Amino acid sequence: MNKIGFDNDKYLSMQSEHIKKRIAQFGGKLYLEFGGKLFDDYHASRVLPGFAPDSKVRMLAQMADQAEIVIAISAGDIEKNKVRSDLGITYDVDVLRLIDAFRGIGLYVGSVVITQYAGQAAADAFKRRLIALGVKVYTHYPIAGYPSNVQLIVSDEGYGKNEYIETSRPLVVITAPGPGSGKMATCLSQLYHEYKRGISAGYAKFETFPIWNLPLKHPVNLAYEAATADLNDVNMIDPFHLETYGVTTVNYNRDVEIFPVVNAIFEKIAGESPYHSPTDMGVNMAGKCIIDDDACREASCQEIIRRYYQALCDKRDGRSDDTAIHKLELLMQQAKVSIEDRPVVSAALKRSEETDGNPAAAIELPDGTIVTGKTSSLLGASSAALINALKHLAHIPDNLPLLPALIIEPIQQLKTQGLGNHNPRLHTDEVLIALSISATTNPVAKLALDHLSGLRGCEVHSSVILAQVDDNVFKKLGMNLTCEPVHQTKKLYHK
């Protein structure tokens, strides 16, 4: 476990230099559409071991004096209160979070653009809120026949109706809370306005996945398809690049499908297009920074299995149907993996069988050791597994209790009698708090806590779907959790 397959320092250096060259190619002004997650790209860090989740913003921070950020958000998403599933916050709230995060690392946020605006009241309210907070806000509008009606799009009645976003830096990064926010349209609208003003500018796209210079069925690229299985999109060979250069590269089907339109828009705006393929438009250098292909393949195969389990649990909770599951089963077949290739699965299920079918959990540690946890009167299975993992990492004897009953029982009494909770067992967050308090007087507890960082990157499997609080704790610890698609009880409501 924990093999490094990706050179993050090389990536930071190579990526920033490549973007600088693209800025120069267009005469000193580049609109860069930034896809994926900027601050917390945990998918990339899982499939490319060594890739830091904040690599993209660290790369931008190296160019802080040249870059400014424009955040796009769709008026429709504001109106619908669209939520980021990973963070559990609405897109408009995430815009505020992103502004704070960018400013926190010294990056300049120039403005927010509300796209697809058609008089939505919620968008108006959000605009007023941003202005009150001192943020510049611009408005872009729907265009009939977008994106195929190029004549209308590239006209005063198309992009011309959009407000021109005032920018002051050579690199303008267009990002968003999530997909469908109008990043590409914002970039191309700005190109239209720049050329109308006699300013030379260019457009490029930054997507980490799929990695264009890896084979189509490389596990890293298959893992990206797994991550987007609910969208039913696919990676494919870039036919435009193959025809023009005779070189096989990989791109996403939506980018391939839209390329002729984007190219036609570019030609109408600038007179000619510098690009011959979707691959040409990209600036991603991640594929050139893989230093251990086997490590990345192995990590990506594990990610595909994890995505499969997530799809099973989503279906169990009514959040999806069989479509994503069938897609992931096909991807597992292509990657030549199965659930048997995830050792914590069989360990957790075996432990559950040994305890009369009660919930159990298993954790695979960096040295390959698998520890398990069972349900008891004091602890939930995931809490017990967490304690056992810390004891193993800290070389604490198995028969030495980290949290004696005399510490746990008063907490249980508070939960049930004071707070009216029906489940007396301690969740993982309660265990860590109890351990932290114990550490002030108990050196063994402190020793265990000192090894908490050693859990990052470890694999976890539960024989039942965990409560949200336990799910969140494992996520915050950087542990990769999967669950069997069953609930511990037959209740309809699960917290």
Protein backbone atom coordinates (compact mmCIF):
# COMPACT_ATOMS: atom_id res chain seq x y z
CA MET A 1 0.00 0.00 0.00
CA ASN A 2 0.89 3.68 -0.25
CA LYS A 3 3.23 3.29 -3.21
CA ILE A 4 4.00 6.63 -4.84
CA GLY A 5 3.15 6.63 -8.54
CA PHE A 6 3.07 10.34 -9.32
CA ASP A 7 5.71 13.11 -9.08
CA ASN A 8 3.76 16.05 -7.69
CA ASP A 9 6.67 18.52 -7.70
CA LYS A 10 7.38 17.79 -11.37
CA TYR A 11 3.69 18.27 -12.10
CA LEU A 12 3.55 21.68 -10.42
CA SER A 13 6.57 22.90 -12.37
CA MET A 14 5.66 21.39 -15.74
CA GLN A 15 2.00 22.41 -15.58
CA SER A 16 2.64 26.07 -14.76
CA GLU A 17 5.29 26.36 -17.49
CA HIS A 18 2.95 24.81 -20.06
CA ILE A 19 0.18 27.27 -19.20
CA LYS A 20 2.62 30.18 -19.48
CA LYS A 21 3.54 29.02 -22.99
CA ARG A 22 -0.14 28.88 -23.94
CA ILE A 23 -0.61 32.45 -22.66
CA ALA A 24 2.29 33.58 -24.85
CA GLN A 25 0.83 31.71 -27.84
CA PHE A 26 -2.23 33.98 -27.73
CA GLY A 27 -0.37 37.24 -27.31
CA GLY A 28 -0.56 37.54 -23.55
CA LYS A 29 -4.19 36.78 -22.65
CA LEU A 30 -5.66 33.35 -21.99
CA TYR A 31 -9.09 32.28 -20.74
CA LEU A 32 -8.55 28.89 -19.10
CA GLU A 33 -11.59 26.72 -18.43
CA PHE A 34 -10.81 24.79 -15.26
CA GLY A 35 -12.72 21.53 -14.98
CA GLY A 36 -12.94 19.24 -11.97
CA LYS A 37 -12.24 20.12 -8.38
CA LEU A 38 -9.60 22.69 -7.56
CA PHE A 39 -9.14 22.43 -3.80
CA ASP A 40 -10.11 18.89 -2.99
CA ASP A 41 -9.41 16.61 -5.94
CA TYR A 42 -9.39 13.43 -3.90
CA HIS A 43 -10.25 11.32 -6.93
CA ALA A 44 -6.96 12.35 -8.54
CA SER A 45 -5.03 11.71 -5.34
CA ARG A 46 -6.53 8.22 -5.08
CA VAL A 47 -5.83 7.11 -8.66
CA LEU A 48 -2.48 8.92 -8.96
CA PRO A 49 -0.77 8.15 -5.62
CA GLY A 50 1.43 11.12 -4.84
CA PHE A 51 -0.91 13.68 -6.42
CA ALA A 52 -1.80 16.23 -3.72
CA PRO A 53 -5.53 17.05 -3.55
CA ASP A 54 -4.70 20.76 -3.72
CA SER A 55 -2.14 20.46 -6.55
CA LYS A 56 -4.15 22.60 -8.96
CA VAL A 57 -4.44 25.57 -6.64
CA ARG A 58 -0.80 25.20 -5.60
CA MET A 59 0.11 25.38 -9.27
CA LEU A 60 -2.04 28.49 -9.69
CA ALA A 61 -0.49 29.98 -6.57
CA GLN A 62 2.87 29.83 -8.35
CA MET A 63 1.31 32.15 -10.94
CA ALA A 64 -0.58 34.34 -8.47
CA ASP A 65 0.77 37.58 -9.94
CA GLN A 66 -0.48 36.62 -13.43
CA ALA A 67 -3.79 34.90 -12.61
CA GLU A 68 -7.26 35.99 -11.65
CA ILE A 69 -10.28 33.86 -10.93
CA VAL A 70 -13.78 34.23 -12.36
CA ILE A 71 -16.40 31.93 -10.85
CA ALA A 72 -19.35 30.92 -13.02
CA ILE A 73 -22.66 29.76 -11.58
CA SER A 74 -25.87 28.97 -13.46
CA ALA A 75 -28.95 30.97 -12.50
CA GLY A 76 -30.95 27.76 -12.84
CA ASP A 77 -28.75 25.99 -10.30
CA ILE A 78 -29.25 28.88 -7.87
CA GLU A 79 -33.01 28.71 -8.38
CA LYS A 80 -33.08 24.93 -7.83
CA ASN A 81 -30.81 25.09 -4.77
CA LYS A 82 -28.54 22.56 -6.46
CA VAL A 83 -26.30 20.81 -3.92
CA ARG A 84 -22.71 19.59 -4.16
CA SER A 85 -23.07 15.96 -3.11
CA ASP A 86 -19.54 15.73 -1.71
CA LEU A 87 -19.85 18.80 0.53
CA GLY A 88 -23.58 18.90 1.13
CA ILE A 89 -23.83 22.63 0.39
CA THR A 90 -25.68 24.49 -2.35
CA TYR A 91 -23.84 25.86 -5.37
CA ASP A 92 -24.38 29.49 -4.33
CA VAL A 93 -22.93 28.84 -0.87
CA ASP A 94 -20.03 27.02 -2.52
CA VAL A 95 -19.27 30.15 -4.56
CA LEU A 96 -18.72 32.00 -1.27
CA ARG A 97 -16.58 29.13 0.01
CA LEU A 98 -14.48 29.18 -3.16
CA ILE A 99 -13.95 32.94 -2.96
CA ASP A 100 -12.72 32.63 0.64
CA ALA A 101 -10.51 29.67 -0.25
CA PHE A 102 -8.90 31.40 -3.23
CA ARG A 103 -8.30 34.57 -1.27
CA GLY A 104 -6.89 32.52 1.58
CA ILE A 105 -3.99 31.35 -0.59
CA GLY A 106 -3.35 34.72 -2.17
CA LEU A 107 -5.23 34.30 -5.45
CA TYR A 108 -7.19 37.23 -6.83
CA VAL A 109 -10.90 36.64 -7.41
CA GLY A 110 -11.97 39.19 -9.99
CA SER A 111 -15.69 38.50 -10.20
CA VAL A 112 -18.61 36.10 -10.33
CA VAL A 113 -20.65 35.59 -13.51
CA ILE A 114 -24.25 34.36 -13.30
CA THR A 115 -24.91 32.37 -16.47
CA GLN A 116 -28.18 31.38 -18.15
CA TYR A 117 -29.92 34.28 -16.41
CA ALA A 118 -33.60 34.62 -17.32
CA GLY A 119 -35.02 36.67 -14.49
CA GLN A 120 -34.75 34.05 -11.74
CA ALA A 121 -35.62 35.68 -8.41
CA ALA A 122 -33.12 33.56 -6.48
CA ALA A 123 -30.35 34.67 -8.86
CA ASP A 124 -31.32 38.30 -8.29
CA ALA A 125 -31.13 37.80 -4.53
CA PHE A 126 -27.73 36.10 -4.80
CA LYS A 127 -26.44 38.91 -7.00
CA ARG A 128 -27.52 41.49 -4.42
CA ARG A 129 -25.80 39.48 -1.70
CA LEU A 130 -22.52 39.30 -3.63
CA ILE A 131 -22.58 43.03 -4.40
CA ALA A 132 -23.20 43.77 -0.71
CA LEU A 133 -20.14 41.66 0.07
CA GLY A 134 -18.04 43.70 -2.35
CA VAL A 135 -17.87 41.12 -5.13
CA LYS A 136 -18.25 42.20 -8.77
CA VAL A 137 -21.08 40.35 -10.53
CA TYR A 138 -21.79 39.99 -14.25
CA THR A 139 -24.76 38.46 -16.04
CA HIS A 140 -24.85 36.19 -19.10
CA TYR A 141 -28.03 35.14 -20.86
CA PRO A 142 -29.45 32.07 -22.66
CA ILE A 143 -28.93 32.01 -26.43
CA ALA A 144 -31.54 30.34 -28.62
CA GLY A 145 -30.15 27.34 -30.49
CA TYR A 146 -26.99 27.12 -28.37
CA PRO A 147 -24.53 25.65 -29.17
CA SER A 148 -25.28 24.79 -32.81
CA ASN A 149 -26.59 28.14 -34.08
CA VAL A 150 -23.14 29.64 -34.61
CA GLN A 151 -24.40 32.61 -36.65
CA LEU A 152 -26.62 33.78 -33.78
CA ILE A 153 -24.17 32.85 -31.01
CA VAL A 154 -21.33 34.91 -32.48
CA SER A 155 -23.35 38.09 -32.94
CA ASP A 156 -24.57 41.11 -31.05
CA GLU A 157 -27.76 39.18 -30.25
CA GLY A 158 -25.79 36.21 -28.92
CA TYR A 159 -22.55 36.68 -26.99
CA GLY A 160 -22.94 40.40 -27.63
CA LYS A 161 -25.86 40.58 -25.18
CA ASN A 162 -23.70 39.19 -22.36
CA GLU A 163 -22.04 41.63 -20.02
CA TYR A 164 -18.32 41.96 -20.69
CA ILE A 165 -16.33 40.77 -17.69
CA GLU A 166 -13.61 43.27 -16.84
CA THR A 167 -10.34 41.42 -16.26
CA SER A 168 -6.83 42.67 -15.58
CA ARG A 169 -4.49 39.65 -15.59
CA PRO A 170 -2.91 37.60 -18.42
CA LEU A 171 -4.43 34.35 -17.12
CA VAL A 172 -8.16 34.32 -16.42
CA VAL A 173 -9.22 31.06 -14.79
CA ILE A 174 -12.91 30.27 -15.23
CA THR A 175 -14.06 27.82 -12.59
CA ALA A 176 -17.38 26.80 -11.04
CA PRO A 177 -18.99 24.89 -8.16
CA GLY A 178 -19.80 22.01 -10.50
CA PRO A 179 -20.58 20.87 -14.06
CA GLY A 180 -23.17 22.63 -16.19
CA SER A 181 -22.30 26.05 -14.81
CA GLY A 182 -21.37 27.58 -18.18
CA LYS A 183 -17.58 27.76 -17.97
CA MET A 184 -16.89 27.16 -21.67
CA ALA A 185 -19.63 29.56 -22.78
CA THR A 186 -18.18 32.21 -20.47
CA CYS A 187 -14.71 31.77 -21.98
CA LEU A 188 -15.98 31.99 -25.56
CA SER A 189 -18.24 34.95 -24.76
CA GLN A 190 -15.20 36.77 -23.39
CA LEU A 191 -13.22 35.97 -26.53
CA TYR A 192 -16.00 37.55 -28.59
CA HIS A 193 -15.92 40.73 -26.52
CA GLU A 194 -12.11 40.88 -26.47
CA TYR A 195 -11.87 40.63 -30.27
CA LYS A 196 -14.62 43.26 -30.65
CA ARG A 197 -12.33 45.50 -28.61
CA GLY A 198 -9.29 44.64 -30.72
CA ILE A 199 -7.66 42.59 -27.95
CA SER A 200 -5.97 39.31 -28.86
CA ALA A 201 -6.91 36.50 -26.49
CA GLY A 202 -7.15 32.72 -26.45
CA TYR A 203 -9.02 29.84 -24.87
CA ALA A 204 -7.76 26.57 -23.43
CA LYS A 205 -9.21 23.79 -21.33
CA PHE A 206 -7.74 22.22 -18.20
CA GLU A 207 -9.21 18.83 -17.29
CA THR A 208 -7.14 16.31 -15.35
CA PHE A 209 -9.10 13.35 -16.72
CA PRO A 210 -9.18 11.49 -18.95
CA ILE A 211 -5.41 11.63 -19.32
CA TRP A 212 -4.89 12.17 -23.04
CA ASN A 213 -1.53 10.37 -23.40
CA LEU A 214 -2.53 7.18 -21.56
CA PRO A 215 -4.24 4.30 -23.41
CA LEU A 216 -8.02 4.40 -23.67
CA LYS A 217 -8.46 1.37 -21.40
CA HIS A 218 -5.72 2.26 -18.95
CA PRO A 219 -7.13 1.81 -15.40
CA VAL A 220 -6.57 5.51 -14.64
CA ASN A 221 -8.88 6.44 -17.51
CA LEU A 222 -11.32 3.65 -16.68
CA ALA A 223 -11.47 4.98 -13.10
CA TYR A 224 -12.52 8.35 -14.48
CA GLU A 225 -15.37 6.69 -16.36
CA ALA A 226 -16.27 4.98 -13.09
CA ALA A 227 -16.38 8.35 -11.33
CA THR A 228 -18.85 9.65 -13.92
CA ALA A 229 -20.83 6.45 -14.38
CA ASP A 230 -24.06 8.16 -13.38
CA LEU A 231 -23.67 10.54 -16.35
CA ASN A 232 -23.28 7.60 -18.77
CA ASP A 233 -20.48 9.38 -20.61
CA VAL A 234 -17.44 7.60 -22.02
CA ASN A 235 -13.80 8.14 -22.88
CA MET A 236 -12.96 7.77 -26.55
CA ILE A 237 -10.15 8.11 -29.06
CA ASP A 238 -9.91 11.71 -30.30
CA PRO A 239 -10.69 11.21 -34.02
CA PHE A 240 -9.70 14.78 -34.94
CA HIS A 241 -6.25 14.40 -33.40
CA LEU A 242 -5.74 11.01 -35.03
CA GLU A 243 -6.73 12.35 -38.45
CA THR A 244 -4.57 15.49 -38.19
CA TYR A 245 -1.42 14.11 -36.54
CA GLY A 246 -1.68 10.33 -36.87
CA VAL A 247 -1.32 10.11 -33.07
CA THR A 248 -3.77 8.28 -30.81
CA THR A 249 -4.98 10.33 -27.84
CA VAL A 250 -7.87 10.00 -25.42
CA ASN A 251 -10.62 12.51 -24.75
CA TYR A 252 -14.13 12.66 -23.30
CA ASN A 253 -17.05 12.02 -25.63
CA ARG A 254 -18.74 15.34 -24.85
CA ASP A 255 -15.58 17.29 -25.69
CA VAL A 256 -15.19 15.35 -28.94
CA GLU A 257 -18.84 15.90 -29.88
CA ILE A 258 -18.76 19.64 -29.19
CA PHE A 259 -15.36 20.31 -30.79
CA PRO A 260 -16.62 21.11 -34.33
CA VAL A 261 -19.00 23.68 -32.86
CA VAL A 262 -16.38 25.20 -30.56
CA ASN A 263 -13.93 25.33 -33.45
CA ALA A 264 -16.50 27.03 -35.70
CA ILE A 265 -17.21 29.60 -32.98
CA PHE A 266 -13.49 30.20 -32.52
CA GLU A 267 -13.01 30.69 -36.27
CA LYS A 268 -15.93 33.11 -36.49
CA ILE A 269 -14.60 35.14 -33.54
CA ALA A 270 -10.89 35.20 -34.41
CA GLY A 271 -10.89 34.46 -38.13
CA GLU A 272 -9.06 31.17 -37.66
CA SER A 273 -8.67 28.50 -34.99
CA PRO A 274 -5.27 27.41 -33.63
CA TYR A 275 -6.71 24.03 -32.70
CA HIS A 276 -7.21 20.92 -34.80
CA SER A 277 -8.57 18.66 -32.05
CA PRO A 278 -10.02 18.64 -28.52
CA THR A 279 -6.64 17.32 -27.35
CA ASP A 280 -5.00 20.46 -28.78
CA MET A 281 -7.25 22.60 -26.58
CA GLY A 282 -6.11 20.87 -23.40
CA VAL A 283 -3.13 21.85 -21.26
CA ASN A 284 -3.01 18.92 -18.84
CA MET A 285 0.47 17.53 -18.09
CA ALA A 286 -0.52 14.90 -15.49
CA GLY A 287 0.26 11.96 -17.77
CA LYS A 288 3.87 13.08 -18.11
CA CYS A 289 4.37 12.98 -14.33
CA ILE A 290 3.49 9.33 -13.67
CA ILE A 291 6.64 7.67 -12.30
CA ASP A 292 5.24 4.24 -11.37
CA ASP A 293 2.62 3.02 -13.80
CA ASP A 294 1.94 -0.17 -11.83
CA ALA A 295 1.18 1.81 -8.66
CA CYS A 296 -1.28 4.01 -10.55
CA ARG A 297 -2.90 1.00 -12.20
CA GLU A 298 -3.38 -0.75 -8.87
CA ALA A 299 -4.75 2.39 -7.20
CA SER A 300 -7.16 2.99 -10.09
CA CYS A 301 -8.47 -0.57 -9.99
CA GLN A 302 -9.26 -0.11 -6.31
CA GLU A 303 -11.06 3.13 -7.13
CA ILE A 304 -13.26 1.36 -9.67
CA ILE A 305 -14.29 -1.20 -7.05
CA ARG A 306 -15.00 1.57 -4.54
CA ARG A 307 -17.19 3.37 -7.09
CA TYR A 308 -19.06 0.13 -7.67
CA TYR A 309 -19.88 -0.20 -3.98
CA GLN A 310 -20.94 3.44 -3.86
CA ALA A 311 -23.35 2.84 -6.74
CA LEU A 312 -24.81 -0.19 -4.94
CA CYS A 313 -25.38 1.90 -1.80
CA ASP A 314 -26.85 4.77 -3.84
CA LYS A 315 -29.35 2.37 -5.37
CA ARG A 316 -30.21 0.94 -1.96
CA ASP A 317 -30.98 4.46 -0.73
CA GLY A 318 -32.99 5.36 -3.83
CA ARG A 319 -30.47 7.85 -5.23
CA SER A 320 -29.82 5.96 -8.48
CA ASP A 321 -30.89 2.97 -10.55
CA ASP A 322 -29.22 -0.01 -12.18
CA THR A 323 -27.71 2.02 -15.05
CA ALA A 324 -24.60 3.12 -13.16
CA ILE A 325 -24.19 -0.33 -11.61
CA HIS A 326 -24.19 -2.05 -15.01
CA LYS A 327 -21.71 0.54 -16.33
CA LEU A 328 -19.39 -0.09 -13.38
CA GLU A 329 -19.65 -3.86 -13.77
CA LEU A 330 -18.51 -3.43 -17.36
CA LEU A 331 -15.61 -1.20 -16.27
CA MET A 332 -14.56 -3.77 -13.66
CA GLN A 333 -14.57 -6.40 -16.37
CA GLN A 334 -12.42 -4.20 -18.62
CA ALA A 335 -10.00 -3.53 -15.75
CA LYS A 336 -9.99 -7.27 -14.94
CA VAL A 337 -10.92 -6.73 -11.28
CA SER A 338 -13.68 -7.92 -8.95
CA ILE A 339 -14.73 -7.33 -5.36
CA GLU A 340 -12.41 -10.20 -4.40
CA ASP A 341 -9.53 -7.85 -5.23
CA ARG A 342 -10.52 -5.65 -2.27
CA PRO A 343 -9.22 -7.60 0.78
CA VAL A 344 -11.14 -5.60 3.40
CA VAL A 345 -14.44 -6.81 1.94
CA SER A 346 -13.96 -10.47 2.76
CA ALA A 347 -12.38 -9.59 6.13
CA ALA A 348 -15.38 -7.50 7.20
CA LEU A 349 -17.91 -10.08 6.00
CA LYS A 350 -16.05 -12.90 7.73
CA ARG A 351 -15.99 -10.94 10.99
CA SER A 352 -19.72 -10.32 10.65
CA GLU A 353 -20.38 -14.04 10.17
CA GLU A 354 -18.30 -14.83 13.26
CA THR A 355 -20.49 -12.50 15.34
CA ASP A 356 -23.89 -13.92 14.28
CA GLY A 357 -24.36 -11.46 11.43
CA ASN A 358 -23.87 -8.33 13.52
CA PRO A 359 -22.25 -5.31 11.82
CA ALA A 360 -18.48 -5.55 11.42
CA ALA A 361 -15.76 -3.46 9.82
CA ALA A 362 -12.24 -4.05 8.50
CA ILE A 363 -9.32 -1.68 7.92
CA GLU A 364 -6.25 -2.42 5.79
CA LEU A 365 -3.19 -0.64 7.21
CA PRO A 366 -0.13 0.65 5.29
CA ASP A 367 1.88 -2.51 6.01
CA GLY A 368 -0.90 -4.71 4.58
CA THR A 369 -2.20 -5.84 7.98
CA ILE A 370 -5.99 -6.04 8.21
CA VAL A 371 -7.64 -5.30 11.54
CA THR A 372 -11.34 -5.75 12.22
CA GLY A 373 -13.94 -4.42 14.60
CA LYS A 374 -17.16 -5.96 15.84
CA THR A 375 -20.32 -4.53 17.35
CA SER A 376 -20.35 -4.56 21.15
CA SER A 377 -22.41 -3.02 23.93
CA LEU A 378 -19.89 -0.15 24.11
CA LEU A 379 -18.77 0.54 20.54
CA GLY A 380 -20.09 0.37 17.02
CA ALA A 381 -18.13 -1.86 14.63
CA SER A 382 -16.43 1.02 12.80
CA SER A 383 -15.41 2.61 16.12
CA ALA A 384 -13.94 -0.68 17.31
CA ALA A 385 -12.03 -1.12 14.04
CA LEU A 386 -10.68 2.42 14.34
CA ILE A 387 -9.44 1.75 17.88
CA ASN A 388 -7.83 -1.53 16.81
CA ALA A 389 -6.12 0.15 13.87
CA LEU A 390 -4.61 2.86 16.09
CA LYS A 391 -3.43 0.23 18.57
CA HIS A 392 -1.69 -1.69 15.79
CA LEU A 393 -0.01 1.42 14.39
CA ALA A 394 1.17 2.46 17.87
CA HIS A 395 2.25 -1.11 18.84
CA ILE A 396 -0.11 -1.11 21.81
CA PRO A 397 -0.84 -4.63 23.13
CA ASP A 398 -4.20 -5.95 22.03
CA ASN A 399 -5.30 -6.80 25.58
CA LEU A 400 -4.72 -3.22 26.79
CA PRO A 401 -7.98 -1.22 26.54
CA LEU A 402 -7.57 2.27 25.12
CA LEU A 403 -10.97 3.38 26.38
CA PRO A 404 -12.02 1.43 29.48
CA ALA A 405 -15.71 0.95 30.21
CA LEU A 406 -15.55 3.47 33.04
CA ILE A 407 -14.83 6.19 30.44
CA ILE A 408 -17.34 5.00 27.82
CA GLU A 409 -20.30 4.32 30.12
CA PRO A 410 -20.83 7.94 31.31
CA ILE A 411 -20.85 9.04 27.65
CA GLN A 412 -23.45 6.38 26.90
CA GLN A 413 -25.55 7.57 29.81
CA LEU A 414 -25.41 11.12 28.46
CA LYS A 415 -26.39 9.92 24.98
CA THR A 416 -29.38 7.84 26.06
CA GLN A 417 -30.68 9.53 29.19
CA GLY A 418 -29.55 13.11 28.67
CA LEU A 419 -29.92 13.45 24.89
CA GLY A 420 -32.58 10.82 24.19
CA ASN A 421 -30.50 8.77 21.75
CA HIS A 422 -31.67 5.19 21.23
CA ASN A 423 -28.20 3.90 20.26
CA PRO A 424 -25.83 3.84 23.26
CA ARG A 425 -22.79 2.70 21.25
CA LEU A 426 -20.11 5.29 20.55
CA HIS A 427 -19.70 6.51 16.98
CA THR A 428 -16.23 7.19 15.56
CA ASP A 429 -16.34 10.92 16.32
CA GLU A 430 -17.31 10.24 19.94
CA VAL A 431 -14.50 7.71 20.27
CA LEU A 432 -11.93 10.21 18.99
CA ILE A 433 -13.20 12.91 21.35
CA ALA A 434 -13.09 10.50 24.30
CA LEU A 435 -9.60 9.42 23.28
CA SER A 436 -8.47 13.05 23.06
CA ILE A 437 -9.74 13.78 26.57
CA SER A 438 -8.11 10.60 27.91
CA ALA A 439 -4.83 11.56 26.29
CA THR A 440 -4.37 14.42 28.79
CA THR A 441 -3.84 11.90 31.60
CA ASN A 442 -3.24 8.60 29.77
CA PRO A 443 0.05 8.38 27.80
CA VAL A 444 -1.17 5.26 25.99
CA ALA A 445 -4.18 7.13 24.62
CA LYS A 446 -1.87 9.96 23.56
CA LEU A 447 0.39 7.46 21.80
CA ALA A 448 -2.59 6.12 19.86
CA LEU A 449 -3.70 9.62 18.82
CA ASP A 450 -0.19 10.45 17.66
CA HIS A 451 -0.62 7.75 15.00
CA LEU A 452 -3.91 9.11 13.65
CA SER A 453 -2.22 10.46 10.52
CA GLY A 454 -1.05 6.94 9.70
CA LEU A 455 -4.63 6.07 8.78
CA ARG A 456 -4.66 8.38 5.76
CA GLY A 457 -5.03 6.37 2.56
CA CYS A 458 -6.08 3.19 4.38
CA GLU A 459 -8.92 1.06 3.01
CA VAL A 460 -12.08 0.46 5.06
CA HIS A 461 -15.10 -1.76 4.51
CA SER A 462 -18.25 -2.06 6.59
CA SER A 463 -20.74 -4.92 6.44
CA VAL A 464 -23.56 -2.34 6.66
CA ILE A 465 -24.16 1.21 5.44
CA LEU A 466 -22.71 3.49 8.10
CA ALA A 467 -24.35 6.45 9.77
CA GLN A 468 -23.44 9.76 8.12
CA VAL A 469 -21.33 10.78 11.12
CA ASP A 470 -19.06 7.74 10.71
CA ASP A 471 -18.89 8.21 6.96
CA ASN A 472 -17.78 11.82 7.51
CA VAL A 473 -15.10 10.88 10.05
CA PHE A 474 -13.50 8.33 7.72
CA LYS A 475 -13.60 10.91 4.94
CA LYS A 476 -11.92 13.54 7.12
CA LEU A 477 -9.25 11.05 8.13
CA GLY A 478 -8.53 10.42 4.44
CA MET A 479 -9.61 6.79 4.60
CA ASN A 480 -11.25 5.07 1.64
CA LEU A 481 -14.57 3.65 2.81
CA THR A 482 -16.91 1.19 1.14
CA CYS A 483 -20.03 -0.42 2.56
CA GLU A 484 -22.23 -3.38 1.78
CA PRO A 485 -25.55 -2.09 0.38
CA VAL A 486 -27.60 -3.06 3.44
CA HIS A 487 -28.75 -1.18 6.52
CA GLN A 488 -28.29 -2.47 10.05
CA THR A 489 -32.03 -2.24 10.71
CA LYS A 490 -35.20 -2.38 8.63
CA LYS A 491 -36.18 1.16 9.58
CA LEU A 492 -37.12 3.50 6.73
CA TYR A 493 -35.26 6.47 8.24
CA HIS A 494 -31.52 6.24 8.80
CA LYS A 495 -29.50 9.10 10.25
